[in-house]
Amino acid sequence: MAGRGPFVTLDSDLDVPRHIVDAARLSSEFDDWPKANVGPHVLSIPTLHVHGTRDPGLEQHRTLLHKFCEPGTTKLIEWDGGHRIPIKPHDVEAVVNGILELAEWASG
């Protein structure tokens, strides 16, 4: 729900790939933004993105979707709201259907 980049690594024993922040640094200090969604920083598992179109951080959430996720592995649901979880039945139904579609696609 309204996730944002960069991804954070919690394992201090790993080499931190470019475009990913080490948990010891604040993500607000991050300045190594990728230009594209290609490379070891990209998440390749199926993901569901739920964006409120009135969320003041919407561009950050779109950055996660477009710069940190592999094309073809994402599903986007946008709803008319801010930075919160949808609670109206038609918005919740869209999220539930998105979860079910993603689960079916991932298992199939």
N, C-alpha and C. Protein backbone atom coordinates (compact mmCIF):
# COMPACT_ATOMS: atom_id res chain seq x y z
N MET A 1 0.84 -1.17 0.00
CA MET A 1 0.00 0.00 0.00
C MET A 1 0.88 1.24 0.00
N ALA A 2 0.87 1.95 -1.07
CA ALA A 2 1.62 3.20 -1.18
C ALA A 2 3.09 3.02 -0.81
N GLY A 3 3.70 1.94 -1.30
CA GLY A 3 5.12 1.72 -1.05
C GLY A 3 5.97 2.70 -1.82
N ARG A 4 7.19 2.89 -1.36
CA ARG A 4 8.09 3.81 -2.04
C ARG A 4 9.51 3.26 -2.03
N GLY A 5 10.29 3.70 -2.97
CA GLY A 5 11.68 3.33 -3.02
C GLY A 5 12.51 4.28 -2.19
N PRO A 6 13.73 3.97 -1.97
CA PRO A 6 14.44 2.79 -2.46
C PRO A 6 14.18 1.58 -1.57
N PHE A 7 14.51 0.42 -2.11
CA PHE A 7 14.49 -0.77 -1.28
C PHE A 7 15.62 -0.66 -0.26
N VAL A 8 15.44 -1.32 0.87
CA VAL A 8 16.41 -1.27 1.96
C VAL A 8 16.90 -2.68 2.22
N THR A 9 18.22 -2.84 2.36
CA THR A 9 18.77 -4.13 2.73
C THR A 9 19.01 -4.15 4.23
N LEU A 10 18.61 -5.24 4.86
CA LEU A 10 18.77 -5.38 6.31
C LEU A 10 19.95 -6.27 6.67
N ASP A 11 20.56 -6.89 5.68
CA ASP A 11 21.66 -7.82 5.91
C ASP A 11 22.99 -7.11 5.72
N SER A 12 23.66 -6.81 6.81
CA SER A 12 24.92 -6.07 6.73
C SER A 12 26.07 -6.90 6.15
N ASP A 13 25.86 -8.22 6.01
CA ASP A 13 26.90 -9.07 5.44
C ASP A 13 26.88 -9.09 3.91
N LEU A 14 25.84 -8.57 3.31
CA LEU A 14 25.73 -8.55 1.85
C LEU A 14 26.32 -7.27 1.28
N ASP A 15 26.84 -7.39 0.07
CA ASP A 15 27.22 -6.18 -0.65
C ASP A 15 25.93 -5.52 -1.09
N VAL A 16 25.80 -4.25 -0.83
CA VAL A 16 24.59 -3.53 -1.19
C VAL A 16 24.67 -3.14 -2.66
N PRO A 17 23.75 -3.66 -3.49
CA PRO A 17 23.78 -3.29 -4.91
C PRO A 17 23.46 -1.81 -5.09
N ARG A 18 23.86 -1.30 -6.19
CA ARG A 18 23.56 0.08 -6.54
C ARG A 18 22.04 0.27 -6.55
N HIS A 19 21.59 1.43 -6.17
CA HIS A 19 20.18 1.85 -6.13
C HIS A 19 19.40 1.26 -4.96
N ILE A 20 20.09 0.62 -4.01
CA ILE A 20 19.46 0.10 -2.80
C ILE A 20 20.17 0.72 -1.61
N VAL A 21 19.43 1.07 -0.59
CA VAL A 21 20.03 1.74 0.56
C VAL A 21 20.29 0.73 1.68
N ASP A 22 21.40 0.89 2.34
CA ASP A 22 21.73 0.09 3.51
C ASP A 22 20.88 0.59 4.67
N ALA A 23 20.39 -0.31 5.49
CA ALA A 23 19.51 0.06 6.60
C ALA A 23 20.18 1.00 7.59
N ALA A 24 21.51 1.07 7.58
CA ALA A 24 22.22 1.96 8.49
C ALA A 24 22.09 3.43 8.07
N ARG A 25 21.69 3.66 6.81
CA ARG A 25 21.49 5.03 6.31
C ARG A 25 20.01 5.35 6.30
N LEU A 26 19.69 6.59 6.47
CA LEU A 26 18.30 7.01 6.34
C LEU A 26 17.93 7.04 4.86
N SER A 27 16.76 6.50 4.52
CA SER A 27 16.37 6.52 3.11
C SER A 27 16.15 7.95 2.62
N SER A 28 15.90 8.88 3.53
CA SER A 28 15.75 10.28 3.12
C SER A 28 17.06 10.87 2.62
N GLU A 29 18.19 10.23 2.97
CA GLU A 29 19.50 10.68 2.50
C GLU A 29 19.86 10.06 1.16
N PHE A 30 19.03 9.15 0.67
CA PHE A 30 19.33 8.39 -0.54
C PHE A 30 19.34 9.31 -1.76
N ASP A 31 20.37 9.15 -2.59
CA ASP A 31 20.45 9.97 -3.80
C ASP A 31 20.89 9.18 -5.03
N ASP A 32 20.90 7.87 -4.94
CA ASP A 32 21.34 7.01 -6.05
C ASP A 32 20.14 6.42 -6.79
N TRP A 33 19.23 7.29 -7.23
CA TRP A 33 18.01 6.85 -7.89
C TRP A 33 18.31 6.27 -9.26
N PRO A 34 17.71 5.12 -9.59
CA PRO A 34 17.95 4.52 -10.91
C PRO A 34 17.21 5.30 -12.00
N LYS A 35 17.75 5.22 -13.20
CA LYS A 35 17.09 5.85 -14.34
C LYS A 35 16.06 4.91 -14.97
N ALA A 36 16.24 3.59 -14.74
CA ALA A 36 15.34 2.61 -15.35
C ALA A 36 15.20 1.41 -14.42
N ASN A 37 14.24 0.57 -14.74
CA ASN A 37 14.00 -0.63 -13.94
C ASN A 37 14.74 -1.83 -14.53
N VAL A 38 16.06 -1.68 -14.61
CA VAL A 38 16.94 -2.72 -15.10
C VAL A 38 18.13 -2.82 -14.16
N GLY A 39 18.44 -4.03 -13.70
CA GLY A 39 19.60 -4.22 -12.84
C GLY A 39 19.27 -5.00 -11.59
N PRO A 40 20.27 -5.19 -10.72
CA PRO A 40 20.06 -6.02 -9.52
C PRO A 40 19.16 -5.38 -8.47
N HIS A 41 18.81 -4.12 -8.62
CA HIS A 41 17.92 -3.45 -7.67
C HIS A 41 16.44 -3.74 -7.96
N VAL A 42 16.16 -4.42 -9.06
CA VAL A 42 14.79 -4.60 -9.52
C VAL A 42 14.15 -5.85 -8.91
N LEU A 43 12.94 -5.66 -8.39
CA LEU A 43 12.15 -6.74 -7.83
C LEU A 43 11.44 -7.46 -8.97
N SER A 44 11.58 -8.78 -9.04
CA SER A 44 11.01 -9.53 -10.17
C SER A 44 9.85 -10.42 -9.78
N ILE A 45 9.44 -10.40 -8.52
CA ILE A 45 8.27 -11.19 -8.12
C ILE A 45 7.01 -10.37 -8.37
N PRO A 46 5.87 -11.01 -8.52
CA PRO A 46 4.63 -10.26 -8.74
C PRO A 46 4.31 -9.34 -7.56
N THR A 47 3.92 -8.12 -7.88
CA THR A 47 3.58 -7.14 -6.86
C THR A 47 2.30 -6.40 -7.21
N LEU A 48 1.56 -6.04 -6.17
CA LEU A 48 0.35 -5.24 -6.31
C LEU A 48 0.63 -3.87 -5.72
N HIS A 49 0.32 -2.83 -6.46
CA HIS A 49 0.57 -1.46 -6.03
C HIS A 49 -0.78 -0.76 -5.90
N VAL A 50 -1.06 -0.23 -4.73
CA VAL A 50 -2.32 0.46 -4.46
C VAL A 50 -1.98 1.92 -4.18
N HIS A 51 -2.37 2.80 -5.11
CA HIS A 51 -2.02 4.21 -5.03
C HIS A 51 -3.26 5.06 -4.85
N GLY A 52 -3.26 5.90 -3.84
CA GLY A 52 -4.29 6.93 -3.70
C GLY A 52 -3.91 8.11 -4.59
N THR A 53 -4.81 8.51 -5.47
CA THR A 53 -4.47 9.57 -6.43
C THR A 53 -4.33 10.94 -5.78
N ARG A 54 -4.76 11.07 -4.52
CA ARG A 54 -4.59 12.33 -3.79
C ARG A 54 -3.52 12.22 -2.71
N ASP A 55 -2.70 11.19 -2.79
CA ASP A 55 -1.61 11.00 -1.83
C ASP A 55 -0.50 12.00 -2.14
N PRO A 56 -0.07 12.80 -1.16
CA PRO A 56 0.99 13.77 -1.44
C PRO A 56 2.32 13.10 -1.85
N GLY A 57 2.50 11.83 -1.54
CA GLY A 57 3.72 11.12 -1.92
C GLY A 57 3.54 10.25 -3.15
N LEU A 58 2.52 10.51 -3.95
CA LEU A 58 2.20 9.66 -5.10
C LEU A 58 3.39 9.47 -6.04
N GLU A 59 4.14 10.52 -6.31
CA GLU A 59 5.28 10.39 -7.23
C GLU A 59 6.32 9.42 -6.68
N GLN A 60 6.51 9.37 -5.38
CA GLN A 60 7.45 8.42 -4.77
C GLN A 60 6.95 6.99 -4.95
N HIS A 61 5.65 6.80 -4.84
CA HIS A 61 5.08 5.46 -5.01
C HIS A 61 5.17 5.02 -6.47
N ARG A 62 4.99 5.98 -7.37
CA ARG A 62 5.14 5.68 -8.79
C ARG A 62 6.60 5.35 -9.14
N THR A 63 7.55 5.99 -8.45
CA THR A 63 8.96 5.67 -8.66
C THR A 63 9.23 4.22 -8.29
N LEU A 64 8.68 3.76 -7.18
CA LEU A 64 8.84 2.35 -6.80
C LEU A 64 8.31 1.44 -7.91
N LEU A 65 7.12 1.72 -8.38
CA LEU A 65 6.49 0.91 -9.42
C LEU A 65 7.31 0.90 -10.72
N HIS A 66 7.73 2.07 -11.16
CA HIS A 66 8.36 2.18 -12.48
C HIS A 66 9.88 2.03 -12.51
N LYS A 67 10.56 2.17 -11.36
CA LYS A 67 12.03 2.10 -11.35
C LYS A 67 12.58 0.92 -10.56
N PHE A 68 11.72 0.27 -9.75
CA PHE A 68 12.21 -0.80 -8.89
C PHE A 68 11.50 -2.14 -9.11
N CYS A 69 10.58 -2.21 -10.07
CA CYS A 69 9.84 -3.45 -10.33
C CYS A 69 9.96 -3.83 -11.80
N GLU A 70 10.14 -5.11 -12.04
CA GLU A 70 10.29 -5.62 -13.40
C GLU A 70 8.99 -5.44 -14.18
N PRO A 71 9.10 -4.94 -15.41
CA PRO A 71 7.89 -4.78 -16.23
C PRO A 71 7.17 -6.13 -16.40
N GLY A 72 5.87 -6.07 -16.37
CA GLY A 72 5.07 -7.27 -16.56
C GLY A 72 4.81 -8.06 -15.29
N THR A 73 5.38 -7.63 -14.17
CA THR A 73 5.18 -8.35 -12.91
C THR A 73 4.31 -7.57 -11.93
N THR A 74 3.82 -6.41 -12.36
CA THR A 74 3.09 -5.55 -11.45
C THR A 74 1.62 -5.41 -11.84
N LYS A 75 0.82 -5.12 -10.84
CA LYS A 75 -0.57 -4.74 -11.07
C LYS A 75 -0.79 -3.46 -10.27
N LEU A 76 -1.38 -2.45 -10.91
CA LEU A 76 -1.62 -1.17 -10.27
C LEU A 76 -3.11 -0.95 -10.07
N ILE A 77 -3.47 -0.55 -8.86
CA ILE A 77 -4.83 -0.12 -8.55
C ILE A 77 -4.72 1.30 -8.02
N GLU A 78 -5.43 2.20 -8.68
CA GLU A 78 -5.49 3.58 -8.21
C GLU A 78 -6.90 3.85 -7.70
N TRP A 79 -6.96 4.60 -6.60
CA TRP A 79 -8.26 4.94 -6.05
C TRP A 79 -8.24 6.40 -5.63
N ASP A 80 -9.40 7.00 -5.53
CA ASP A 80 -9.53 8.42 -5.22
C ASP A 80 -9.41 8.63 -3.72
N GLY A 81 -8.17 8.76 -3.26
CA GLY A 81 -7.93 8.95 -1.83
C GLY A 81 -6.51 9.39 -1.57
N GLY A 82 -6.22 9.57 -0.30
CA GLY A 82 -4.91 10.04 0.12
C GLY A 82 -4.00 8.92 0.56
N HIS A 83 -3.15 9.21 1.53
CA HIS A 83 -2.16 8.26 2.03
C HIS A 83 -2.78 7.45 3.17
N ARG A 84 -3.62 6.52 2.78
CA ARG A 84 -4.28 5.63 3.74
C ARG A 84 -4.78 4.40 3.01
N ILE A 85 -5.26 3.45 3.76
CA ILE A 85 -5.82 2.23 3.19
C ILE A 85 -7.24 2.51 2.73
N PRO A 86 -7.62 2.05 1.54
CA PRO A 86 -9.00 2.25 1.09
C PRO A 86 -9.99 1.54 2.02
N ILE A 87 -11.13 2.18 2.27
CA ILE A 87 -12.14 1.57 3.14
C ILE A 87 -13.53 1.50 2.49
N LYS A 88 -13.74 2.22 1.41
CA LYS A 88 -15.04 2.16 0.73
C LYS A 88 -15.15 0.82 0.02
N PRO A 89 -16.36 0.21 0.04
CA PRO A 89 -16.51 -1.14 -0.52
C PRO A 89 -15.99 -1.30 -1.94
N HIS A 90 -16.26 -0.35 -2.85
CA HIS A 90 -15.80 -0.55 -4.23
C HIS A 90 -14.27 -0.46 -4.34
N ASP A 91 -13.64 0.34 -3.48
CA ASP A 91 -12.18 0.41 -3.48
C ASP A 91 -11.56 -0.85 -2.88
N VAL A 92 -12.16 -1.32 -1.78
CA VAL A 92 -11.68 -2.56 -1.15
C VAL A 92 -11.86 -3.74 -2.09
N GLU A 93 -12.99 -3.78 -2.79
CA GLU A 93 -13.23 -4.86 -3.75
C GLU A 93 -12.17 -4.86 -4.85
N ALA A 94 -11.79 -3.69 -5.32
CA ALA A 94 -10.74 -3.60 -6.35
C ALA A 94 -9.42 -4.15 -5.83
N VAL A 95 -9.09 -3.84 -4.59
CA VAL A 95 -7.84 -4.34 -3.99
C VAL A 95 -7.91 -5.86 -3.82
N VAL A 96 -9.02 -6.36 -3.30
CA VAL A 96 -9.19 -7.81 -3.12
C VAL A 96 -9.08 -8.52 -4.46
N ASN A 97 -9.77 -8.01 -5.48
CA ASN A 97 -9.68 -8.63 -6.81
C ASN A 97 -8.26 -8.58 -7.35
N GLY A 98 -7.54 -7.50 -7.09
CA GLY A 98 -6.15 -7.40 -7.52
C GLY A 98 -5.28 -8.44 -6.84
N ILE A 99 -5.50 -8.66 -5.55
CA ILE A 99 -4.74 -9.67 -4.82
C ILE A 99 -5.03 -11.06 -5.39
N LEU A 100 -6.32 -11.35 -5.63
CA LEU A 100 -6.70 -12.67 -6.17
C LEU A 100 -6.13 -12.88 -7.57
N GLU A 101 -6.20 -11.86 -8.41
CA GLU A 101 -5.66 -11.97 -9.77
C GLU A 101 -4.15 -12.19 -9.73
N LEU A 102 -3.47 -11.47 -8.88
CA LEU A 102 -2.02 -11.61 -8.77
C LEU A 102 -1.64 -12.99 -8.25
N ALA A 103 -2.39 -13.48 -7.27
CA ALA A 103 -2.11 -14.82 -6.72
C ALA A 103 -2.34 -15.89 -7.78
N GLU A 104 -3.40 -15.75 -8.55
CA GLU A 104 -3.70 -16.71 -9.61
C GLU A 104 -2.63 -16.66 -10.69
N TRP A 105 -2.22 -15.46 -11.07
CA TRP A 105 -1.20 -15.30 -12.09
C TRP A 105 0.14 -15.88 -11.61
N ALA A 106 0.48 -15.61 -10.35
CA ALA A 106 1.77 -16.08 -9.81
C ALA A 106 1.82 -17.60 -9.67
N SER A 107 0.69 -18.22 -9.42
CA SER A 107 0.68 -19.67 -9.21
C SER A 107 0.48 -20.45 -10.50
N GLY A 108 0.12 -19.73 -11.56
CA GLY A 108 -0.26 -20.41 -12.78
C GLY A 108 0.76 -20.62 -13.77
